[in-house]
Amino acid sequence: MITDNDSTHDDSTERALGNDPEAPHRALSPLTNAEAAHLVRLSLEAAAERSLPAGYDGTANLRLHPTSAAFPTPGGAGLAADLGVGSDPDAAVSMVAGLSNLARIVAGERRDRWPQVVGEHFDQLASTLRHGPPPLPADPRRELYQRLTPSNLVQPSWTSQAPEFVPGLLSVPATYTDGTITMYFDPSDLGMTWTEAEQAGLHNLRGLTDTVEYAEHDGTTIAMLSGSVFTASRALVLDTVLRESLHVENPQYGVLAAMPVRGLLLVHVINSLRVIPALGMMLNLAGRAHATEPGPLSPWVYLVTPEGRWHPAIRQPEEGRPPGLSPALLVLAHHLGRLE
């Protein structure tokens, strides 16, 4: 295990990163094995410089061993939400710091900027460990935003009240303070019921604005919305997004929507059988973003009916049966075909 006394080289780390330096790394996508090895070395050095002795687990995590003298016992969902940190079940004084999101961040930077980006990440991590998560919001009714988060990244004991928006994504009240997202799985900490916190989060989510760009191919158009760490979460208030950002009221046949990463929402307004090539475009855009960009949520595309019900747009592959259109989209496609 690498610690602050030996943070520059470890044979087990090199073996874990793979023998082909140019092959994609299996856990730190979209980096190659060589790039992943460089990121791990930078991360171990940055952690050691900040009094966070660490070892690399060979996949996508550092195991941090903060000293009790330098750092109080950490806690809070905010760390798990934004910095990729969780407790290590194998050791009471150890923490797991995920590198997956950091890999996606540095992949978009020049190689000579990686040390600065990694250093800033561990500065924030060390500060949060030392001082704890941000203070409770002074006015939660104004500061809460409902947020989508992958259910597999959250401790099951926290999620008893959080509703599942679509399979694998929970809807949780959250705040965003100084670059840290804090999620509140128990809004009683804020003096609110779950319903009150959720209503406030949705209300404030409606007040955000989007940056809208369009991807077009052979007459098929996909709206690509961005602008904040809550952009994908605005799928929770899709009617507002359609009306205020896309200037569409009550689409007759519904829309296709995808939330691949926290900062991106993809939408196609359905008006013809162009929905089929649009689905292909969206699967490609969503899959690529989900595999390479920070804050991955879901690679899947959904059919949203005019009544606001969400259905998968494709049927998942099963043994002996390839993927295809979902029953809901198949019915819609047959209806659109009869109109043309």
Protein backbone atom coordinates (compact mmCIF):
# COMPACT_ATOMS: atom_id res chain seq x y z
CA MET A 1 0.00 0.00 0.00
CA ILE A 2 1.26 3.47 -0.86
CA THR A 3 1.38 6.00 1.97
CA ASP A 4 2.75 9.51 2.35
CA ASN A 5 6.16 7.95 2.93
CA ASP A 6 6.15 6.20 -0.45
CA SER A 7 3.83 8.05 -2.84
CA THR A 8 5.67 7.85 -6.14
CA HIS A 9 5.74 4.18 -7.10
CA ASP A 10 4.15 0.86 -6.24
CA ASP A 11 4.45 -2.29 -8.32
CA SER A 12 0.97 -3.52 -7.37
CA THR A 13 -0.49 -0.22 -8.55
CA GLU A 14 1.26 -0.50 -11.91
CA ARG A 15 0.05 -4.07 -12.35
CA ALA A 16 -3.50 -3.10 -11.46
CA LEU A 17 -3.49 -0.36 -14.09
CA GLY A 18 -2.77 -2.88 -16.85
CA ASN A 19 0.07 -3.76 -19.18
CA ASP A 20 -1.02 -1.90 -22.34
CA PRO A 21 -0.48 1.81 -21.63
CA GLU A 22 -2.75 2.98 -24.46
CA ALA A 23 -5.68 0.66 -23.70
CA PRO A 24 -8.71 2.19 -21.96
CA HIS A 25 -8.55 1.82 -18.20
CA ARG A 26 -11.30 -0.48 -16.97
CA ALA A 27 -12.40 1.74 -14.05
CA LEU A 28 -11.09 5.27 -14.70
CA SER A 29 -12.85 5.97 -17.99
CA PRO A 30 -12.14 7.74 -20.32
CA LEU A 31 -8.43 7.61 -19.41
CA THR A 32 -5.95 5.15 -20.87
CA ASN A 33 -3.93 2.93 -18.55
CA ALA A 34 -0.97 5.30 -18.81
CA GLU A 35 -3.12 8.35 -18.08
CA ALA A 36 -4.81 6.57 -15.18
CA ALA A 37 -1.41 5.67 -13.69
CA HIS A 38 -0.41 9.34 -13.92
CA LEU A 39 -3.65 10.44 -12.23
CA VAL A 40 -3.18 7.91 -9.42
CA ARG A 41 0.38 9.13 -8.80
CA LEU A 42 -0.75 12.77 -8.74
CA SER A 43 -3.61 11.91 -6.39
CA LEU A 44 -1.41 9.97 -3.97
CA GLU A 45 1.10 12.81 -3.90
CA ALA A 46 -1.63 15.43 -3.41
CA ALA A 47 -3.23 13.41 -0.60
CA ALA A 48 0.12 12.92 1.16
CA GLU A 49 0.94 16.64 0.90
CA ARG A 50 -2.34 17.36 2.71
CA SER A 51 -1.72 14.92 5.58
CA LEU A 52 -4.02 12.29 4.11
CA PRO A 53 -1.95 9.08 3.92
CA ALA A 54 -3.47 6.98 1.18
CA GLY A 55 -3.21 3.74 -0.72
CA TYR A 56 -4.60 2.87 -4.14
CA ASP A 57 -7.01 -0.09 -4.26
CA GLY A 58 -6.18 -1.05 -7.86
CA THR A 59 -9.52 0.01 -9.34
CA ALA A 60 -10.94 3.51 -8.94
CA ASN A 61 -10.42 4.45 -5.29
CA LEU A 62 -7.90 5.74 -2.81
CA ARG A 63 -8.16 4.53 0.76
CA LEU A 64 -7.48 7.54 2.95
CA HIS A 65 -6.28 7.29 6.53
CA PRO A 66 -6.68 10.80 7.98
CA THR A 67 -5.08 11.21 11.39
CA SER A 68 -7.47 12.06 14.19
CA ALA A 69 -5.18 14.89 15.27
CA ALA A 70 -5.47 16.66 11.92
CA PHE A 71 -9.03 15.74 10.99
CA PRO A 72 -12.17 15.25 13.07
CA THR A 73 -14.35 12.23 12.37
CA PRO A 74 -15.96 13.05 9.01
CA GLY A 75 -19.55 12.58 8.11
CA GLY A 76 -22.46 13.90 6.13
CA ALA A 77 -24.04 13.13 2.80
CA GLY A 78 -22.42 16.18 1.23
CA LEU A 79 -19.05 14.49 1.03
CA ALA A 80 -20.48 11.36 -0.53
CA ALA A 81 -22.49 13.45 -2.97
CA ASP A 82 -19.84 15.74 -4.37
CA LEU A 83 -16.34 14.62 -3.49
CA GLY A 84 -16.70 10.88 -3.96
CA VAL A 85 -15.89 10.09 -0.34
CA GLY A 86 -17.44 7.40 1.84
CA SER A 87 -16.55 5.41 4.91
CA ASP A 88 -14.55 2.22 4.48
CA PRO A 89 -16.49 -0.70 5.97
CA ASP A 90 -13.24 -2.59 6.49
CA ALA A 91 -11.62 -0.02 8.76
CA ALA A 92 -13.15 2.41 11.20
CA VAL A 93 -10.48 5.08 10.61
CA SER A 94 -10.33 4.70 6.84
CA MET A 95 -12.24 6.44 4.08
CA VAL A 96 -12.69 5.66 0.41
CA ALA A 97 -12.08 8.52 -2.03
CA GLY A 98 -13.32 7.73 -5.51
CA LEU A 99 -11.24 8.87 -8.48
CA SER A 100 -13.83 8.18 -11.20
CA ASN A 101 -15.24 11.70 -11.34
CA LEU A 102 -11.78 13.25 -11.08
CA ALA A 103 -10.70 11.12 -14.06
CA ARG A 104 -13.54 12.57 -16.12
CA ILE A 105 -12.59 16.10 -15.08
CA VAL A 106 -8.89 15.85 -15.94
CA ALA A 107 -9.70 14.13 -19.24
CA GLY A 108 -11.01 17.47 -20.48
CA GLU A 109 -7.87 19.35 -19.44
CA ARG A 110 -4.38 19.71 -20.90
CA ARG A 111 -1.92 17.28 -19.31
CA ASP A 112 0.15 20.14 -17.87
CA ARG A 113 -2.90 21.34 -15.89
CA TRP A 114 -3.55 18.00 -14.22
CA PRO A 115 -1.42 18.72 -11.12
CA GLN A 116 -3.34 21.96 -10.50
CA VAL A 117 -6.75 20.34 -11.01
CA VAL A 118 -5.87 17.39 -8.77
CA GLY A 119 -4.43 19.72 -6.14
CA GLU A 120 -7.59 21.83 -6.09
CA HIS A 121 -9.70 18.69 -5.71
CA PHE A 122 -7.72 17.49 -2.70
CA ASP A 123 -7.66 21.01 -1.23
CA GLN A 124 -11.45 20.93 -1.21
CA LEU A 125 -11.50 17.38 0.13
CA ALA A 126 -9.08 18.17 2.97
CA SER A 127 -11.00 21.33 3.86
CA THR A 128 -14.29 19.46 3.98
CA LEU A 129 -12.80 16.67 6.09
CA ARG A 130 -11.27 19.19 8.46
CA HIS A 131 -14.26 21.50 8.83
CA GLY A 132 -17.13 19.17 8.01
CA PRO A 133 -19.85 19.73 5.42
CA PRO A 134 -21.24 23.22 4.80
CA PRO A 135 -23.52 24.62 7.52
CA LEU A 136 -27.24 24.04 7.30
CA PRO A 137 -28.91 26.54 4.96
CA ALA A 138 -30.18 29.63 6.74
CA ASP A 139 -33.31 29.65 4.58
CA PRO A 140 -33.85 26.13 3.24
CA ARG A 141 -37.07 27.07 1.46
CA ARG A 142 -35.01 29.34 -0.79
CA GLU A 143 -31.80 27.31 -0.97
CA LEU A 144 -32.99 23.74 -1.57
CA TYR A 145 -32.99 22.25 -5.07
CA GLN A 146 -34.36 18.82 -5.85
CA ARG A 147 -31.54 16.69 -7.26
CA LEU A 148 -31.25 13.42 -9.15
CA THR A 149 -28.61 11.06 -7.80
CA PRO A 150 -27.75 7.43 -8.60
CA SER A 151 -29.20 5.11 -5.99
CA ASN A 152 -26.16 2.81 -6.09
CA LEU A 153 -23.96 5.62 -4.73
CA VAL A 154 -26.09 6.17 -1.63
CA GLN A 155 -26.13 4.13 1.55
CA PRO A 156 -29.40 2.14 1.57
CA SER A 157 -30.17 3.26 5.11
CA TRP A 158 -30.40 6.86 3.88
CA THR A 159 -32.93 6.30 1.12
CA SER A 160 -36.10 5.22 2.92
CA GLN A 161 -37.91 8.48 2.08
CA ALA A 162 -36.28 9.32 -1.26
CA PRO A 163 -38.55 8.45 -4.21
CA GLU A 164 -37.14 6.74 -7.28
CA PHE A 165 -37.76 9.02 -10.26
CA VAL A 166 -36.73 6.44 -12.86
CA PRO A 167 -35.01 3.11 -12.16
CA GLY A 168 -31.65 3.80 -10.55
CA LEU A 169 -32.15 7.54 -9.94
CA LEU A 170 -33.42 9.05 -6.68
CA SER A 171 -34.91 12.51 -6.18
CA VAL A 172 -33.37 14.20 -3.12
CA PRO A 173 -33.42 17.76 -1.67
CA ALA A 174 -29.95 19.32 -1.90
CA THR A 175 -27.99 22.55 -1.59
CA TYR A 176 -24.96 23.77 -3.52
CA THR A 177 -22.48 25.79 -1.48
CA ASP A 178 -18.90 26.72 -2.43
CA GLY A 179 -18.65 23.88 -4.92
CA THR A 180 -20.07 21.23 -2.59
CA ILE A 181 -23.44 19.54 -3.07
CA THR A 182 -25.07 18.49 0.20
CA MET A 183 -28.05 16.15 0.03
CA TYR A 184 -30.59 15.98 2.85
CA PHE A 185 -32.01 12.49 3.23
CA ASP A 186 -33.54 13.51 6.57
CA PRO A 187 -35.07 16.99 6.09
CA SER A 188 -36.02 17.06 9.76
CA ASP A 189 -32.46 18.36 10.19
CA LEU A 190 -33.81 21.48 8.46
CA GLY A 191 -37.02 21.58 10.49
CA MET A 192 -39.00 20.35 7.47
CA THR A 193 -40.95 17.28 6.50
CA TRP A 194 -39.91 15.36 3.38
CA THR A 195 -42.91 16.75 1.49
CA GLU A 196 -42.07 20.33 2.47
CA ALA A 197 -38.42 19.94 1.46
CA GLU A 198 -39.36 18.28 -1.83
CA GLN A 199 -41.86 21.01 -2.69
CA ALA A 200 -39.29 23.71 -1.95
CA GLY A 201 -36.66 21.88 -4.01
CA LEU A 202 -38.96 21.56 -7.01
CA HIS A 203 -40.08 25.19 -6.74
CA ASN A 204 -36.50 26.46 -6.77
CA LEU A 205 -35.56 24.03 -9.55
CA ARG A 206 -38.22 25.68 -11.73
CA GLY A 207 -36.51 29.03 -11.22
CA LEU A 208 -33.22 27.97 -12.84
CA THR A 209 -32.44 28.74 -16.47
CA ASP A 210 -30.83 26.64 -19.17
CA THR A 211 -28.31 27.13 -21.94
CA VAL A 212 -29.78 25.50 -25.05
CA GLU A 213 -27.87 24.13 -28.03
CA TYR A 214 -29.07 21.82 -30.77
CA ALA A 215 -27.62 18.74 -32.42
CA GLU A 216 -29.00 18.14 -35.92
CA HIS A 217 -28.56 15.28 -38.38
CA ASP A 218 -30.59 14.60 -41.53
CA GLY A 219 -33.53 16.65 -40.32
CA THR A 220 -33.55 15.25 -36.78
CA THR A 221 -33.02 17.72 -33.94
CA ILE A 222 -32.00 17.10 -30.33
CA ALA A 223 -32.03 19.90 -27.75
CA MET A 224 -28.97 19.81 -25.46
CA LEU A 225 -29.53 21.77 -22.27
CA SER A 226 -26.75 22.72 -19.86
CA GLY A 227 -25.85 25.56 -17.51
CA SER A 228 -25.64 24.22 -13.95
CA VAL A 229 -25.00 21.15 -11.81
CA PHE A 230 -28.79 20.82 -11.57
CA THR A 231 -29.56 20.85 -15.31
CA ALA A 232 -30.25 17.12 -15.58
CA SER A 233 -32.33 17.33 -12.41
CA ARG A 234 -34.63 19.75 -14.21
CA ALA A 235 -36.11 16.63 -15.79
CA LEU A 236 -38.12 16.63 -12.55
CA VAL A 237 -39.83 19.83 -13.79
CA LEU A 238 -39.82 18.96 -17.48
CA ASP A 239 -43.01 20.91 -18.18
CA THR A 240 -41.22 24.09 -17.13
CA VAL A 241 -38.17 23.22 -19.23
CA LEU A 242 -40.33 22.64 -22.30
CA ARG A 243 -42.27 25.85 -21.83
CA GLU A 244 -39.52 28.26 -20.80
CA SER A 245 -36.36 26.88 -22.43
CA LEU A 246 -37.72 25.14 -25.55
CA HIS A 247 -40.91 27.23 -25.98
CA VAL A 248 -43.05 24.13 -26.37
CA GLU A 249 -46.46 23.84 -24.72
CA ASN A 250 -48.08 20.45 -24.18
CA PRO A 251 -46.38 18.42 -26.95
CA GLN A 252 -49.07 16.27 -28.57
CA TYR A 253 -47.01 13.07 -28.68
CA GLY A 254 -44.68 13.71 -25.78
CA VAL A 255 -40.88 13.85 -25.84
CA LEU A 256 -37.79 11.72 -25.57
CA ALA A 257 -35.58 12.73 -22.64
CA ALA A 258 -32.22 11.64 -21.22
CA MET A 259 -30.19 12.68 -18.16
CA PRO A 260 -26.73 11.21 -18.86
CA VAL A 261 -24.73 13.46 -16.51
CA ARG A 262 -25.68 16.04 -13.91
CA GLY A 263 -24.96 19.02 -16.19
CA LEU A 264 -26.76 17.80 -19.33
CA LEU A 265 -30.40 17.20 -20.27
CA LEU A 266 -31.27 15.92 -23.75
CA VAL A 267 -34.75 16.42 -25.22
CA HIS A 268 -36.42 15.58 -28.54
CA VAL A 269 -39.96 16.84 -29.11
CA ILE A 270 -41.87 14.09 -30.90
CA ASN A 271 -43.92 15.10 -33.93
CA SER A 272 -43.28 12.34 -36.49
CA LEU A 273 -41.50 9.06 -37.11
CA ARG A 274 -38.29 11.08 -36.85
CA VAL A 275 -38.55 9.87 -33.26
CA ILE A 276 -36.78 6.67 -34.36
CA PRO A 277 -33.56 8.31 -35.68
CA ALA A 278 -33.82 10.76 -32.77
CA LEU A 279 -33.70 7.81 -30.38
CA GLY A 280 -30.52 6.59 -32.05
CA MET A 281 -28.92 10.03 -31.80
CA MET A 282 -29.87 10.37 -28.15
CA LEU A 283 -28.59 6.93 -27.22
CA ASN A 284 -25.27 7.86 -28.82
CA LEU A 285 -25.07 11.30 -27.17
CA ALA A 286 -26.22 10.02 -23.78
CA GLY A 287 -23.96 6.98 -23.85
CA ARG A 288 -20.89 9.01 -24.73
CA ALA A 289 -21.59 11.68 -22.09
CA HIS A 290 -22.35 9.08 -19.42
CA ALA A 291 -19.07 7.30 -20.16
CA THR A 292 -16.79 10.34 -20.23
CA GLU A 293 -18.20 13.43 -18.47
CA PRO A 294 -18.29 14.32 -14.75
CA GLY A 295 -21.34 13.43 -12.69
CA PRO A 296 -22.73 10.37 -14.52
CA LEU A 297 -26.42 9.63 -13.92
CA SER A 298 -27.98 7.33 -16.53
CA PRO A 299 -27.17 6.35 -20.14
CA TRP A 300 -30.79 5.51 -20.94
CA VAL A 301 -33.39 7.41 -22.97
CA TYR A 302 -36.99 7.75 -21.81
CA LEU A 303 -40.33 8.36 -23.49
CA VAL A 304 -42.30 11.01 -21.60
CA THR A 305 -45.99 10.99 -22.46
CA PRO A 306 -48.11 14.16 -22.81
CA GLU A 307 -49.48 13.33 -19.34
CA GLY A 308 -45.96 13.37 -17.88
CA ARG A 309 -45.49 9.62 -17.39
CA TRP A 310 -41.96 8.31 -17.92
CA HIS A 311 -41.33 5.02 -19.76
CA PRO A 312 -38.10 3.43 -21.02
CA ALA A 313 -37.66 4.15 -24.72
CA ILE A 314 -35.86 0.87 -25.42
CA ARG A 315 -36.36 -2.69 -24.28
CA GLN A 316 -33.36 -3.97 -22.38
CA PRO A 317 -31.56 -6.93 -23.98
CA GLU A 318 -32.43 -10.31 -22.55
CA GLU A 319 -31.04 -13.77 -23.15
CA GLY A 320 -31.93 -14.71 -26.70
CA ARG A 321 -33.56 -11.36 -27.43
CA PRO A 322 -31.73 -8.23 -28.64
CA PRO A 323 -32.63 -4.72 -27.45
CA GLY A 324 -35.42 -2.95 -29.29
CA LEU A 325 -38.14 -0.34 -28.95
CA SER A 326 -40.01 -0.48 -25.66
CA PRO A 327 -43.70 -1.42 -25.79
CA ALA A 328 -44.73 2.19 -25.10
CA LEU A 329 -42.57 3.62 -27.89
CA LEU A 330 -43.58 0.83 -30.26
CA VAL A 331 -47.26 1.71 -29.81
CA LEU A 332 -46.51 5.39 -30.43
CA ALA A 333 -44.42 4.62 -33.53
CA HIS A 334 -47.27 2.53 -35.00
CA HIS A 335 -49.68 5.42 -34.37
CA LEU A 336 -47.34 7.96 -35.98
CA GLY A 337 -46.82 5.63 -38.93
CA ARG A 338 -50.55 5.55 -39.63
CA LEU A 339 -50.60 9.35 -39.75
CA GLU A 340 -47.90 9.63 -42.41
